[in-house]
Amino acid sequence: MSTQEELEREGAVALQTADAWVTIVWNDPINLMSYVTHVFQTYFGFTRHEAEARMREVHEHGRSVVSTGGREKMEVDVQAMHGYGLWATLQRSGE
């Protein structure tokens, strides 16, 4: 691979990283843990085990990153979580 190809490849990776956003679901005193698990399985397609792990993270640590991608997709995911009655926000990955 030439130096130019390497630089282009590294630039593409840097752009992908810079464009990465995350959807965060936050703990709340309203929703049952079983319901949060159900939402994660239904909307994100997580296995039961993965959905329960993310739900426990929300419950025990106050939040969990549930999806990563471009800003527009994360905005859709946040709105979907609001539609399910969950508290969710988005932010740049790594912040």
C-alpha atoms as a PDB file:
ATOM      1  CA  MET A   1       0.000   0.000   0.000  1.00  0.00           C
ATOM      2  CA  SER A   2       1.387   3.394  -0.943  1.00  0.00           C
ATOM      3  CA  THR A   3       1.821   6.210   1.529  1.00  0.00           C
ATOM      4  CA  GLN A   4      -1.003   8.131  -0.181  1.00  0.00           C
ATOM      5  CA  GLU A   5      -3.353   5.134   0.142  1.00  0.00           C
ATOM      6  CA  GLU A   6      -2.428   4.777   3.814  1.00  0.00           C
ATOM      7  CA  LEU A   7      -3.139   8.468   4.461  1.00  0.00           C
ATOM      8  CA  GLU A   8      -6.491   8.239   2.668  1.00  0.00           C
ATOM      9  CA  ARG A   9      -7.416   5.142   4.646  1.00  0.00           C
ATOM     10  CA  GLU A  10      -6.405   6.765   7.946  1.00  0.00           C
ATOM     11  CA  GLY A  11      -8.370   9.875   6.993  1.00  0.00           C
ATOM     12  CA  ALA A  12     -11.465   7.800   6.293  1.00  0.00           C
ATOM     13  CA  VAL A  13     -11.135   6.078   9.671  1.00  0.00           C
ATOM     14  CA  ALA A  14     -10.704   9.455  11.391  1.00  0.00           C
ATOM     15  CA  LEU A  15     -13.851  10.764   9.706  1.00  0.00           C
ATOM     16  CA  GLN A  16     -15.819   7.692  10.749  1.00  0.00           C
ATOM     17  CA  THR A  17     -14.673   8.163  14.347  1.00  0.00           C
ATOM     18  CA  ALA A  18     -15.455  11.882  14.269  1.00  0.00           C
ATOM     19  CA  ASP A  19     -18.932  11.118  12.935  1.00  0.00           C
ATOM     20  CA  ALA A  20     -19.643   8.523  15.644  1.00  0.00           C
ATOM     21  CA  TRP A  21     -22.431   9.347  18.052  1.00  0.00           C
ATOM     22  CA  VAL A  22     -24.009   7.257  20.801  1.00  0.00           C
ATOM     23  CA  THR A  23     -27.494   6.859  22.225  1.00  0.00           C
ATOM     24  CA  ILE A  24     -27.535   6.712  26.015  1.00  0.00           C
ATOM     25  CA  VAL A  25     -30.466   5.410  28.042  1.00  0.00           C
ATOM     26  CA  TRP A  26     -30.586   6.823  31.567  1.00  0.00           C
ATOM     27  CA  ASN A  27     -31.994   5.361  34.760  1.00  0.00           C
ATOM     28  CA  ASP A  28     -35.391   6.584  35.885  1.00  0.00           C
ATOM     29  CA  PRO A  29     -37.624   5.781  38.861  1.00  0.00           C
ATOM     30  CA  ILE A  30     -40.632   4.906  36.703  1.00  0.00           C
ATOM     31  CA  ASN A  31     -39.928   2.030  34.307  1.00  0.00           C
ATOM     32  CA  LEU A  32     -39.640  -1.552  35.497  1.00  0.00           C
ATOM     33  CA  MET A  33     -36.438  -3.423  34.724  1.00  0.00           C
ATOM     34  CA  SER A  34     -38.430  -6.062  32.826  1.00  0.00           C
ATOM     35  CA  TYR A  35     -39.948  -3.345  30.636  1.00  0.00           C
ATOM     36  CA  VAL A  36     -36.538  -1.797  29.849  1.00  0.00           C
ATOM     37  CA  THR A  37     -35.257  -5.269  28.915  1.00  0.00           C
ATOM     38  CA  HIS A  38     -38.296  -5.755  26.657  1.00  0.00           C
ATOM     39  CA  VAL A  39     -37.705  -2.392  24.922  1.00  0.00           C
ATOM     40  CA  PHE A  40     -34.034  -3.200  24.294  1.00  0.00           C
ATOM     41  CA  GLN A  41     -34.952  -6.579  22.800  1.00  0.00           C
ATOM     42  CA  THR A  42     -37.817  -5.201  20.727  1.00  0.00           C
ATOM     43  CA  TYR A  43     -36.225  -2.046  19.335  1.00  0.00           C
ATOM     44  CA  PHE A  44     -32.514  -2.888  19.147  1.00  0.00           C
ATOM     45  CA  GLY A  45     -32.888  -6.621  18.551  1.00  0.00           C
ATOM     46  CA  PHE A  46     -30.631  -7.509  21.487  1.00  0.00           C
ATOM     47  CA  THR A  47     -30.671 -11.054  22.755  1.00  0.00           C
ATOM     48  CA  ARG A  48     -32.347 -11.466  26.134  1.00  0.00           C
ATOM     49  CA  HIS A  49     -28.923 -11.826  27.772  1.00  0.00           C
ATOM     50  CA  GLU A  50     -27.564  -8.647  26.153  1.00  0.00           C
ATOM     51  CA  ALA A  51     -30.756  -6.686  26.863  1.00  0.00           C
ATOM     52  CA  GLU A  52     -30.637  -7.713  30.532  1.00  0.00           C
ATOM     53  CA  ALA A  53     -26.958  -6.746  30.743  1.00  0.00           C
ATOM     54  CA  ARG A  54     -27.699  -3.279  29.324  1.00  0.00           C
ATOM     55  CA  MET A  55     -30.704  -2.906  31.636  1.00  0.00           C
ATOM     56  CA  ARG A  56     -28.515  -3.807  34.643  1.00  0.00           C
ATOM     57  CA  GLU A  57     -25.975  -1.228  33.509  1.00  0.00           C
ATOM     58  CA  VAL A  58     -28.734   1.405  33.417  1.00  0.00           C
ATOM     59  CA  HIS A  59     -29.994   0.337  36.849  1.00  0.00           C
ATOM     60  CA  GLU A  60     -26.615  -0.010  38.575  1.00  0.00           C
ATOM     61  CA  HIS A  61     -24.552   2.703  36.846  1.00  0.00           C
ATOM     62  CA  GLY A  62     -27.287   5.138  35.908  1.00  0.00           C
ATOM     63  CA  ARG A  63     -26.841   4.828  32.138  1.00  0.00           C
ATOM     64  CA  SER A  64     -25.970   2.570  29.236  1.00  0.00           C
ATOM     65  CA  VAL A  65     -24.834   3.202  25.685  1.00  0.00           C
ATOM     66  CA  VAL A  66     -27.309   1.258  23.571  1.00  0.00           C
ATOM     67  CA  SER A  67     -26.385   2.255  20.020  1.00  0.00           C
ATOM     68  CA  THR A  68     -23.590   3.889  18.050  1.00  0.00           C
ATOM     69  CA  GLY A  69     -23.617   5.469  14.617  1.00  0.00           C
ATOM     70  CA  GLY A  70     -24.212   8.658  12.710  1.00  0.00           C
ATOM     71  CA  ARG A  71     -25.982  11.559  14.371  1.00  0.00           C
ATOM     72  CA  GLU A  72     -29.207  11.215  12.392  1.00  0.00           C
ATOM     73  CA  LYS A  73     -29.564   7.524  13.276  1.00  0.00           C
ATOM     74  CA  MET A  74     -28.887   8.288  16.940  1.00  0.00           C
ATOM     75  CA  GLU A  75     -31.557  11.004  16.867  1.00  0.00           C
ATOM     76  CA  VAL A  76     -34.007   8.393  15.560  1.00  0.00           C
ATOM     77  CA  ASP A  77     -33.000   5.981  18.343  1.00  0.00           C
ATOM     78  CA  VAL A  78     -33.380   8.673  21.024  1.00  0.00           C
ATOM     79  CA  GLN A  79     -36.845   9.565  19.738  1.00  0.00           C
ATOM     80  CA  ALA A  80     -37.796   5.887  19.698  1.00  0.00           C
ATOM     81  CA  MET A  81     -36.704   5.511  23.337  1.00  0.00           C
ATOM     82  CA  HIS A  82     -38.800   8.568  24.222  1.00  0.00           C
ATOM     83  CA  GLY A  83     -41.709   6.904  22.440  1.00  0.00           C
ATOM     84  CA  TYR A  84     -41.278   3.913  24.762  1.00  0.00           C
ATOM     85  CA  GLY A  85     -41.204   6.254  27.766  1.00  0.00           C
ATOM     86  CA  LEU A  86     -37.476   5.906  28.458  1.00  0.00           C
ATOM     87  CA  TRP A  87     -35.139   8.798  29.158  1.00  0.00           C
ATOM     88  CA  ALA A  88     -32.465   8.879  26.422  1.00  0.00           C
ATOM     89  CA  THR A  89     -29.975  11.362  25.008  1.00  0.00           C
ATOM     90  CA  LEU A  90     -27.282  11.372  22.355  1.00  0.00           C
ATOM     91  CA  GLN A  91     -23.718  12.629  22.405  1.00  0.00           C
ATOM     92  CA  ARG A  92     -20.538  12.334  20.416  1.00  0.00           C
ATOM     93  CA  SER A  93     -18.761   9.056  20.989  1.00  0.00           C
ATOM     94  CA  GLY A  94     -15.882   9.361  23.430  1.00  0.00           C
ATOM     95  CA  GLU A  95     -17.157  12.476  25.229  1.00  0.00           C
END
